Protein backbone atom coordinates (compact mmCIF):
# COMPACT_ATOMS: atom_id res chain seq x y z
CA GLY A 1 95.44 -16.02 44.73
CA THR A 2 95.77 -16.39 48.47
CA ASP A 3 92.28 -17.78 48.88
CA LEU A 4 92.99 -20.51 46.33
CA ARG A 5 96.26 -21.48 48.05
CA ASN A 6 94.45 -21.75 51.37
CA LYS A 7 91.73 -23.87 49.81
CA GLN A 8 94.28 -26.21 48.21
CA PHE A 9 96.13 -26.53 51.53
CA LEU A 10 92.98 -27.55 53.39
CA GLU A 11 91.84 -29.91 50.64
CA GLN A 12 95.22 -31.61 50.84
CA LEU A 13 94.41 -32.38 54.47
CA GLY A 14 90.87 -33.47 53.70
CA LYS A 15 89.33 -30.34 55.24
CA ARG A 16 86.76 -27.86 53.94
CA HIS A 17 87.78 -24.30 53.22
CA SER A 18 86.45 -21.54 55.45
CA ASN A 19 87.61 -18.00 56.16
CA LYS A 20 86.29 -18.25 59.74
CA VAL A 21 87.16 -21.79 60.85
CA LEU A 22 90.55 -23.54 60.63
CA ASP A 23 90.06 -27.13 61.84
CA LEU A 24 93.27 -29.16 61.58
CA ASN A 25 92.50 -31.49 64.46
CA ASN A 26 94.43 -34.79 64.20
CA CYS A 27 95.86 -34.05 60.74
CA SER A 28 99.43 -35.33 61.28
CA LEU A 29 100.81 -31.94 60.29
CA THR A 30 104.41 -32.00 59.09
CA VAL A 31 106.95 -29.24 59.71
CA ALA A 32 106.60 -28.13 56.07
CA LEU A 33 102.82 -27.84 56.34
CA LEU A 34 103.21 -26.01 59.62
CA LEU A 35 105.55 -23.46 58.05
CA PHE A 36 103.04 -22.91 55.24
CA LEU A 37 100.37 -22.38 57.87
CA VAL A 38 102.58 -19.69 59.42
CA THR A 39 102.46 -17.77 56.14
CA MET A 40 98.70 -18.27 55.85
CA ILE A 41 97.66 -16.92 59.26
CA PRO A 42 98.22 -13.18 58.56
CA MET A 43 96.07 -13.58 55.42
CA LEU A 44 93.12 -14.91 57.43
CA PRO A 45 92.25 -11.95 59.70
CA ASP A 46 88.59 -13.05 59.97
CA LEU A 47 89.36 -16.42 61.59
CA GLU A 48 87.09 -17.11 64.57
CA GLU A 49 88.11 -20.70 65.38
CA ILE A 50 91.41 -22.60 65.28
CA ASN A 51 91.79 -26.26 66.24
CA LEU A 52 95.30 -27.76 66.06
CA SER A 53 94.66 -30.45 68.67
CA TRP A 54 96.18 -33.94 68.56
CA ASN A 55 98.95 -33.14 66.12
CA ASP A 56 102.20 -34.67 67.29
CA PHE A 57 104.35 -31.58 66.80
CA MET A 58 108.06 -31.66 67.51
CA GLU A 59 108.85 -29.51 70.50
CA GLY A 60 109.66 -25.95 69.48
CA THR A 61 108.08 -26.08 66.02
CA LEU A 62 104.93 -24.23 67.14
CA GLU A 63 106.74 -21.08 68.23
CA PRO A 64 106.57 -19.17 64.89
CA LEU A 65 102.89 -20.06 64.48
CA ILE A 66 101.89 -18.95 67.97
CA LEU A 67 103.65 -15.63 67.41
CA ARG A 68 101.32 -15.04 64.43
CA PHE A 69 98.18 -15.56 66.53
CA LYS A 70 98.32 -11.90 67.57
CA HIS A 71 97.11 -11.06 64.04
CA LEU A 72 93.79 -12.80 64.78
CA GLN A 73 91.73 -10.03 66.36
CA GLU A 74 88.43 -11.90 65.82
CA LEU A 75 89.46 -15.28 67.23
CA ARG A 76 86.88 -16.77 69.62
CA VAL A 77 87.99 -20.41 69.91
CA LEU A 78 91.56 -21.72 70.25
CA GLN A 79 92.12 -25.44 70.77
CA LEU A 80 95.68 -26.68 71.27
CA SER A 81 95.03 -29.95 73.09
CA ASN A 82 97.91 -32.47 72.97
CA CYS A 83 100.25 -30.33 70.85
CA ARG A 84 103.47 -30.80 72.86
CA LEU A 85 103.48 -27.16 73.93
CA THR A 86 106.75 -26.06 75.53
CA ALA A 87 107.20 -23.52 78.31
CA LYS A 88 108.31 -21.03 75.65
CA ASP A 89 105.14 -21.76 73.65
CA VAL A 90 103.09 -20.99 76.75
CA ALA A 91 104.91 -17.67 77.17
CA PHE A 92 104.37 -16.72 73.51
CA LEU A 93 100.74 -17.72 73.77
CA GLY A 94 100.35 -15.42 76.76
CA GLU A 95 101.64 -12.53 74.68
CA ALA A 96 99.26 -13.43 71.84
CA LEU A 97 96.27 -13.52 74.20
CA GLU A 98 96.87 -9.85 74.97
CA GLU A 99 95.84 -9.18 71.36
CA MET A 100 92.75 -11.44 71.29
CA PRO A 101 89.91 -9.40 72.81
CA HIS A 102 87.14 -11.78 71.64
CA LEU A 103 88.58 -15.14 72.79
CA GLU A 104 85.91 -17.20 74.56
CA ILE A 105 87.25 -20.78 74.51
CA LEU A 106 90.81 -21.88 75.27
CA ASP A 107 91.76 -25.58 75.47
CA LEU A 108 95.34 -26.48 76.43
CA SER A 109 94.57 -29.99 77.71
CA TRP A 110 97.07 -32.88 77.56
CA ASN A 111 100.11 -30.62 77.37
CA PRO A 112 102.29 -31.63 80.36
CA ASN A 113 104.73 -28.75 79.89
CA VAL A 114 102.00 -26.25 80.76
CA GLY A 115 102.63 -27.39 84.32
CA GLY A 116 105.18 -25.16 86.00
CA SER A 117 104.87 -22.46 83.33
CA PHE A 118 101.17 -21.58 83.53
CA SER A 119 101.92 -18.22 85.18
CA LEU A 120 103.68 -17.15 81.96
CA LEU A 121 100.24 -17.21 80.36
CA THR A 122 97.99 -16.03 83.19
CA GLN A 123 99.98 -12.88 83.93
CA LYS A 124 99.46 -11.72 80.34
CA ILE A 125 95.69 -12.16 80.19
CA PRO A 126 94.15 -8.70 80.54
CA LYS A 127 91.55 -7.85 83.15
CA GLY A 128 88.04 -7.97 81.78
CA CYS A 129 88.88 -10.83 79.41
CA ILE A 130 85.65 -12.43 78.13
CA LEU A 131 86.99 -16.02 78.35
CA LYS A 132 84.07 -18.41 79.02
CA THR A 133 85.72 -21.85 78.77
CA LEU A 134 89.17 -22.84 80.02
CA LYS A 135 90.24 -26.49 79.76
CA LEU A 136 93.47 -27.69 81.34
CA THR A 137 92.93 -31.45 81.60
CA ASP A 138 96.09 -33.42 82.49
CA CYS A 139 98.50 -30.50 82.16
CA ASN A 140 100.71 -31.52 85.08
CA LEU A 141 99.67 -28.37 86.94
CA THR A 142 101.48 -27.70 90.20
CA ALA A 143 100.27 -26.01 93.37
CA GLU A 144 102.02 -22.85 92.13
CA ASP A 145 100.06 -23.07 88.87
CA GLY A 146 96.92 -23.37 90.97
CA GLU A 147 97.78 -20.15 92.75
CA SER A 148 98.30 -18.46 89.35
CA LEU A 149 94.91 -19.73 88.27
CA ALA A 150 93.35 -18.33 91.42
CA GLN A 151 94.75 -14.91 90.54
CA LEU A 152 93.46 -15.29 86.98
CA LEU A 153 89.91 -15.89 88.26
CA ARG A 154 89.89 -12.31 89.49
CA LYS A 155 90.19 -11.15 85.87
CA ILE A 156 87.86 -13.51 83.96
CA HIS A 157 84.45 -12.84 85.48
CA ARG A 158 82.52 -14.38 82.57
CA LEU A 159 83.97 -17.89 83.00
CA GLU A 160 81.34 -20.63 82.61
CA VAL A 161 83.42 -23.83 82.23
CA LEU A 162 86.65 -24.67 84.06
CA ASP A 163 88.16 -28.15 83.62
CA LEU A 164 91.12 -29.04 85.85
CA SER A 165 90.75 -32.82 85.60
CA LEU A 166 93.70 -35.19 86.07
CA ASN A 167 95.97 -32.60 87.68
CA LYS A 168 96.78 -34.54 90.83
CA MET A 169 99.17 -31.98 92.29
CA ILE A 170 96.78 -29.05 92.11
CA GLY A 171 94.74 -30.24 95.08
CA TYR A 172 96.94 -28.28 97.46
CA SER A 173 95.87 -24.98 95.88
CA LEU A 174 92.16 -25.75 95.47
CA LYS A 175 91.42 -23.74 98.60
CA SER A 176 92.79 -20.59 96.95
CA ILE A 177 90.93 -21.38 93.73
CA ALA A 178 87.69 -21.91 95.64
CA GLN A 179 88.05 -18.53 97.36
CA GLU A 180 88.40 -16.75 94.00
CA LEU A 181 85.48 -18.56 92.36
CA LYS A 182 83.26 -15.86 93.86
CA HIS A 183 84.40 -13.64 90.98
CA ALA A 184 83.16 -16.17 88.39
CA THR A 185 79.50 -15.63 89.14
CA GLY A 186 78.37 -17.35 85.93
CA LEU A 187 80.36 -20.56 86.41
CA LYS A 188 78.28 -23.59 85.41
CA VAL A 189 80.80 -26.43 85.14
CA LEU A 190 83.81 -27.04 87.38
CA ASN A 191 85.48 -30.38 86.69
CA LEU A 192 87.84 -31.55 89.43
CA ASN A 193 88.06 -35.18 88.39
CA MET A 194 91.15 -36.77 90.00
CA CYS A 195 92.58 -33.53 91.35
CA GLY A 196 93.51 -34.77 94.81
CA LEU A 197 90.46 -33.12 96.33
CA LYS A 198 90.41 -33.88 100.06
CA GLN A 199 87.64 -33.98 102.64
CA ASP A 200 87.95 -30.25 103.30
CA GLY A 201 87.55 -29.51 99.60
CA PHE A 202 83.77 -29.36 99.63
CA GLN A 203 83.92 -25.58 99.70
CA CYS A 204 84.46 -25.89 95.91
CA LEU A 205 81.09 -27.56 95.54
CA GLY A 206 79.24 -24.30 95.45
CA LYS A 207 80.12 -24.07 91.76
CA CYS A 208 80.93 -27.69 91.04
CA ARG A 209 79.24 -29.87 88.47
CA TYR A 210 81.64 -32.84 88.48
CA LEU A 211 83.42 -34.37 91.46
CA SER A 212 84.36 -37.84 90.26
CA CYS A 213 87.20 -40.17 91.16
CA ASN A 214 88.36 -38.22 94.21
CA LYS A 215 88.97 -41.14 96.54
CA LEU A 216 90.00 -38.93 99.45
CA LEU A 217 86.47 -37.49 99.62
CA GLY A 218 85.13 -40.59 101.35
CA GLY A 219 84.26 -40.01 105.00
CA GLY A 220 84.08 -36.24 104.66
CA PHE A 221 80.39 -35.71 104.02
CA GLN A 222 79.30 -35.39 107.64
CA ASN A 223 81.26 -32.20 108.27
CA THR A 224 79.93 -30.56 105.12
CA ALA A 225 76.27 -31.61 105.25
CA ALA A 226 75.02 -28.04 105.52
CA HIS A 227 77.09 -26.96 102.53
CA LEU A 228 75.86 -29.87 100.41
CA ALA A 229 72.26 -29.14 101.37
CA GLY A 230 72.61 -25.62 99.99
CA LEU A 231 73.27 -26.82 96.45
CA SER A 232 69.63 -26.56 95.40
CA ASN A 233 70.52 -25.61 91.82
CA LEU A 234 72.91 -28.53 91.28
CA GLU A 235 72.15 -30.45 88.08
CA VAL A 236 74.93 -33.07 88.03
CA LEU A 237 76.30 -34.91 91.07
CA ASP A 238 79.08 -37.36 90.20
CA PHE A 239 80.54 -39.25 93.16
CA HIS A 240 81.65 -42.38 91.32
CA GLN A 241 84.65 -44.16 92.84
CA CYS A 242 84.86 -41.75 95.76
CA CYS A 243 85.16 -44.36 98.53
CA ILE A 244 81.84 -43.24 100.01
CA THR A 245 81.30 -44.65 103.51
CA GLU A 246 78.09 -45.75 105.21
CA GLU A 247 78.19 -42.52 107.21
CA ASP A 248 78.45 -40.55 103.96
CA MET A 249 75.43 -42.44 102.63
CA ALA A 250 73.42 -41.39 105.67
CA VAL A 251 74.27 -37.74 104.93
CA LEU A 252 73.34 -38.10 101.26
CA THR A 253 70.04 -39.70 102.22
CA GLN A 254 69.08 -36.50 104.06
CA ILE A 255 70.37 -34.21 101.32
CA ILE A 256 69.06 -35.88 98.14
CA PRO A 257 65.44 -34.66 98.60
CA LEU A 258 66.73 -31.05 98.66
CA LEU A 259 68.41 -31.33 95.23
CA SER A 260 65.19 -31.01 93.26
CA ASN A 261 66.97 -29.77 90.12
CA LEU A 262 69.32 -32.75 89.89
CA GLN A 263 69.42 -34.29 86.42
CA GLU A 264 72.37 -36.69 86.67
CA LEU A 265 73.45 -38.83 89.64
CA ASN A 266 76.47 -41.13 89.50
CA LEU A 267 77.30 -43.27 92.56
CA SER A 268 79.03 -46.06 90.64
CA SER A 269 81.89 -48.10 92.10
CA ASN A 270 81.06 -47.29 95.71
CA LYS A 271 80.56 -50.62 97.48
CA SER A 272 78.91 -49.11 100.55
CA VAL A 273 76.01 -47.93 98.41
CA GLY A 274 74.63 -51.45 98.36
CA VAL A 275 74.92 -51.86 102.10
CA SER A 276 72.99 -48.78 103.11
CA SER A 277 71.34 -47.51 99.96
CA ASP A 278 67.78 -48.74 100.42
CA HIS A 279 66.80 -45.49 102.16
CA LEU A 280 68.83 -43.32 99.77
CA LEU A 281 67.38 -44.91 96.65
CA SER A 282 63.85 -44.59 97.95
CA ARG A 283 64.48 -40.83 98.23
CA LEU A 284 65.09 -40.58 94.49
CA ARG A 285 61.36 -40.05 94.12
CA PHE A 286 62.02 -36.43 95.13
CA LEU A 287 64.13 -35.88 91.98
CA PRO A 288 61.49 -35.48 89.25
CA LYS A 289 64.01 -34.01 86.77
CA LEU A 290 66.47 -36.92 87.04
CA LYS A 291 67.54 -38.06 83.57
CA SER A 292 70.62 -40.18 84.27
CA LEU A 293 71.14 -42.65 87.14
CA LEU A 294 74.39 -44.62 87.25
CA LEU A 295 74.69 -47.31 89.94
CA SER A 296 77.19 -49.67 88.33
CA ASN A 297 79.20 -51.89 90.70
CA CYS A 298 77.47 -50.69 93.86
CA SER A 299 76.92 -54.13 95.47
CA LEU A 300 73.16 -53.54 95.47
CA GLN A 301 71.17 -55.94 97.64
CA HIS A 302 67.57 -57.09 97.22
CA ASN A 303 66.16 -54.40 99.55
CA SER A 304 68.01 -51.55 97.86
CA PHE A 305 67.00 -52.80 94.41
CA ALA A 306 63.36 -53.01 95.50
CA SER A 307 63.57 -49.44 96.83
CA LEU A 308 65.00 -48.29 93.50
CA ALA A 309 62.20 -49.98 91.58
CA GLU A 310 59.61 -48.25 93.74
CA ALA A 311 61.28 -44.85 93.34
CA ALA A 312 61.49 -45.31 89.55
CA LEU A 313 57.72 -44.84 89.40
CA HIS A 314 58.36 -41.19 90.23
CA LEU A 315 61.13 -40.55 87.65
CA PRO A 316 59.20 -39.63 84.50
CA GLU A 317 62.19 -38.11 82.70
CA LEU A 318 64.72 -40.91 83.29
CA LYS A 319 66.65 -41.58 80.07
CA ILE A 320 69.79 -43.41 81.21
CA LEU A 321 69.92 -46.25 83.76
CA ASP A 322 73.08 -48.25 84.50
CA LEU A 323 72.78 -51.19 86.91
CA SER A 324 75.76 -53.14 85.57
CA TRP A 325 77.82 -55.40 87.84
CA ASN A 326 75.06 -55.72 90.43
CA LYS A 327 74.36 -59.45 90.70
CA CYS A 328 71.12 -58.98 92.63
CA VAL A 329 69.35 -57.84 89.45
CA GLY A 330 69.37 -61.41 88.13
CA GLY A 331 65.89 -62.96 88.42
CA LYS A 332 64.41 -59.62 89.55
CA LEU A 333 64.64 -57.43 86.44
CA LYS A 334 60.86 -57.42 86.23
CA LEU A 335 60.76 -55.23 89.36
CA ILE A 336 62.45 -52.29 87.68
CA LEU A 337 60.85 -52.88 84.27
CA ASN A 338 57.36 -52.66 85.74
CA SER A 339 58.26 -49.22 87.06
CA LEU A 340 60.03 -47.93 83.97
CA LYS A 341 57.28 -48.89 81.56
CA LEU A 342 55.08 -46.12 82.94
CA GLY A 343 57.48 -43.45 81.70
CA ALA A 344 58.59 -44.84 78.33
CA GLU A 345 61.41 -42.22 78.21
CA LEU A 346 64.37 -44.59 78.67
CA GLU A 347 67.05 -44.31 75.96
CA VAL A 348 69.98 -46.21 77.51
CA LEU A 349 69.75 -49.36 79.64
CA ARG A 350 72.96 -51.03 80.83
CA LEU A 351 72.72 -54.43 82.54
CA SER A 352 76.19 -55.86 81.99
CA SER A 353 77.22 -58.70 84.33
CA CYS A 354 73.98 -58.70 86.31
CA SER A 355 73.55 -62.51 86.47
CA LEU A 356 70.42 -62.23 84.35
CA VAL A 357 68.45 -65.40 83.53
CA ASP A 358 65.87 -66.42 80.94
CA GLU A 359 63.07 -65.09 83.13
CA ASP A 360 64.65 -61.61 82.89
CA LEU A 361 64.85 -61.83 79.10
CA ALA A 362 61.18 -62.87 78.97
CA SER A 363 60.24 -59.82 81.07
CA LEU A 364 62.36 -57.55 78.90
CA ALA A 365 60.87 -58.92 75.68
CA SER A 366 57.35 -58.50 77.05
CA VAL A 367 57.95 -54.84 77.93
CA MET A 368 59.48 -54.23 74.50
CA GLN A 369 56.53 -55.77 72.68
CA ALA A 370 54.13 -53.65 74.75
CA LYS A 371 55.92 -50.55 73.36
CA HIS A 372 56.96 -49.40 76.85
CA LEU A 373 60.61 -49.06 75.79
CA ASP A 374 60.01 -47.69 72.32
CA LEU A 375 62.58 -44.86 72.72
CA LEU A 376 65.41 -47.20 73.73
CA GLN A 377 68.60 -46.55 71.74
CA LYS A 378 71.30 -48.53 73.57
CA LEU A 379 70.93 -51.86 75.37
CA ASP A 380 73.85 -53.58 77.12
CA LEU A 381 73.30 -57.23 78.15
CA SER A 382 76.96 -58.23 77.96
CA TYR A 383 78.62 -60.70 80.35
CA ASN A 384 75.35 -62.40 81.28
CA ASN A 385 76.22 -66.02 80.59
CA HIS A 386 73.16 -67.86 81.95
CA PHE A 387 70.78 -67.44 79.00
CA SER A 388 69.59 -70.45 77.04
CA ASN A 389 68.94 -70.48 73.30
CA LYS A 390 65.25 -70.13 74.14
CA GLY A 391 65.96 -66.99 76.17
CA TRP A 392 67.96 -65.42 73.33
CA ALA A 393 65.15 -66.23 70.90
CA MET A 394 62.64 -64.43 73.14
CA LEU A 395 64.89 -61.36 73.19
CA CYS A 396 65.25 -61.36 69.39
CA GLN A 397 61.49 -61.41 69.06
CA GLY A 398 61.10 -58.42 71.37
CA LEU A 399 63.82 -56.35 69.68
CA ALA A 400 61.67 -55.89 66.59
CA ALA A 401 59.58 -53.35 68.52
CA LEU A 402 62.56 -51.08 69.28
CA GLU A 403 62.45 -48.75 66.30
CA HIS A 404 65.09 -46.39 67.73
CA LEU A 405 67.62 -49.04 68.81
CA SER A 406 71.14 -48.24 67.53
CA GLU A 407 73.41 -50.35 69.77
CA LEU A 408 73.09 -53.82 71.32
CA ASP A 409 75.85 -55.57 73.26
CA ILE A 410 75.38 -59.27 74.03
CA SER A 411 79.08 -60.15 74.40
CA ARG A 412 80.30 -62.91 76.68
CA ARG A 413 83.33 -62.99 78.93
CA PRO A 414 86.47 -64.10 77.07
CA SER A 415 86.79 -67.05 79.46
CA ALA A 416 83.22 -68.19 78.70
CA ARG A 417 83.28 -68.48 74.92
CA CYS A 418 80.31 -70.28 73.46
CA THR A 419 78.89 -71.17 70.05
CA CYS A 420 75.87 -69.24 68.76
CA GLY A 421 72.59 -71.08 68.41
CA GLU A 422 69.79 -70.64 65.90
CA TRP A 423 68.83 -67.42 67.69
CA LEU A 424 71.53 -65.58 65.73
CA ASP A 425 69.57 -66.22 62.54
CA LYS A 426 66.49 -64.72 64.20
CA LEU A 427 68.51 -61.70 65.28
CA LEU A 428 69.87 -61.11 61.77
CA VAL A 429 66.33 -61.26 60.42
CA THR A 430 65.22 -58.65 62.97
CA LEU A 431 68.05 -56.13 62.47
CA PRO A 432 67.00 -54.94 58.96
CA LYS A 433 63.72 -53.80 60.52
CA LEU A 434 65.68 -51.48 62.83
CA HIS A 435 66.67 -48.69 60.46
CA LEU A 436 68.79 -46.82 63.02
CA PHE A 437 70.79 -49.83 64.15
CA LYS A 438 74.61 -49.39 63.94
CA GLU A 439 76.48 -51.61 66.45
CA LEU A 440 76.20 -55.23 67.64
CA GLY A 441 78.60 -56.54 70.28
CA LEU A 442 79.25 -60.28 69.87
CA GLN A 443 82.60 -60.69 71.61
CA GLY A 444 83.06 -64.10 73.23
CA TRP A 445 80.76 -65.91 70.79
CA VAL A 446 82.39 -68.53 68.54
CA LEU A 447 80.90 -68.24 65.07
CA SER A 448 80.69 -70.99 62.50
CA ALA A 449 81.95 -70.42 58.96
CA GLY A 450 78.34 -69.95 57.82
CA GLN A 451 77.60 -67.42 60.55
CA ARG A 452 80.74 -65.46 59.74
CA LYS A 453 79.66 -65.34 56.12
CA GLN A 454 76.24 -64.05 57.19
CA LEU A 455 77.83 -61.16 59.07
CA GLU A 456 80.21 -60.35 56.23
CA CYS A 457 77.37 -60.14 53.72
CA PHE A 458 74.78 -58.56 55.99
CA ASN A 459 75.32 -54.88 55.16
CA GLN A 460 75.43 -55.37 51.41
CA ALA A 461 72.37 -57.61 51.44
CA ASN A 462 70.30 -55.27 53.60
CA GLU A 463 71.69 -51.86 52.59
CA GLN A 464 72.70 -51.12 56.17
CA ASN A 465 75.93 -50.06 57.85
CA VAL A 466 76.14 -52.22 60.96
CA HIS A 467 79.44 -52.80 62.77
CA PHE A 468 79.72 -56.32 64.17
CA ASP A 469 82.15 -56.40 67.09
CA ALA A 470 82.79 -60.14 66.88
CA TRP A 471 85.61 -62.63 67.39
CA PHE A 472 86.22 -64.62 64.22
CA GLY A 473 88.45 -67.30 65.71
CA ALA A 474 87.81 -71.01 65.49
């Protein structure tokens, strides 16, 4: 019967059969399979989720399928990311949405033809729609599309997640969007990553969770200090690569203590952070709920690093710390480790290209052996090329205490290839004791024939499934 045909169709694509979920994400659907799917849809009235994302459809082939969506009265989730939607598809989809009263999640990301035709969809969505998540990442949205979205916000009062990332032309209409956000009283996440947000765009921050990679924001904090200070419920503040100035840092220093609910802070790739961050980083002690702190490539200096180490004593819930590409960490890692060991909550520690030396590895191994990092899952020590064989051996000895470790990256720069010493044998003896371990980065290390053989036989010999990211050249 029909149910058997549907089951056989899904099994052909390596998918499980379900009357409520149709997941054909990245299945390389052919035109023939798509036409069969068109006949199936009316026979699956109980479908609640459809995912057709990342199927490289020929333009125009989706039209008959989208027209059938109006049969799906119970549909809650519709994902059509990277499906080569045409303007006509968008129009048909708008008509179908009129017949989907329960739709909560709509993802049209990575469809460039949505840009310029978005109003064909928004004008069809009925008032009182219960849509909660709308994702439009990299859809080539225009300022006119932004105005259409602003009008849509008046009708979808239950919206919780709105992702407009990578739509560089929409920045001109963000003012209109911000004004209509007052209707979305339950909005939790507003992603404006690389949307051309300018210095006067901080009015969007009242609802914003992500504000990354907006280079034009730099220099605009002073005029919006009062607005920033009012974001007491903010949980995630992402200002990475925003060209933050020293004046902006002064504003943030005053505001940070007021954001007591902050859980994630990302200031990466802002060079001025290192120049004036000692006061800012000392204020992190007022963020007791902070779980993620990303300060990669911030040109940290000794004073700012010392301030961070002192503040870390007051961050009991910190789980992720990224200090990569800050050369000042080299020779001083003990400062931060002495602070972190009091919490023992850290799960991810990234120290790539920090000019670390043997002394740092000795400190790290000591903290590991004392069980102060026993929840650590990911450790990145890549691009630190000053360790001796003795230093690597100390690290291998300490790793045995990390029962939850799943990933370790000790890669070298491609230009600094080097042969592995006897420490690799010690490491391969340690790994079978780490039952959750899955990934070892060894790029830049030149392996002997015997060492290559060890890696090739490791999983079979130890009944593990470890991926060795290694270069097997001569």
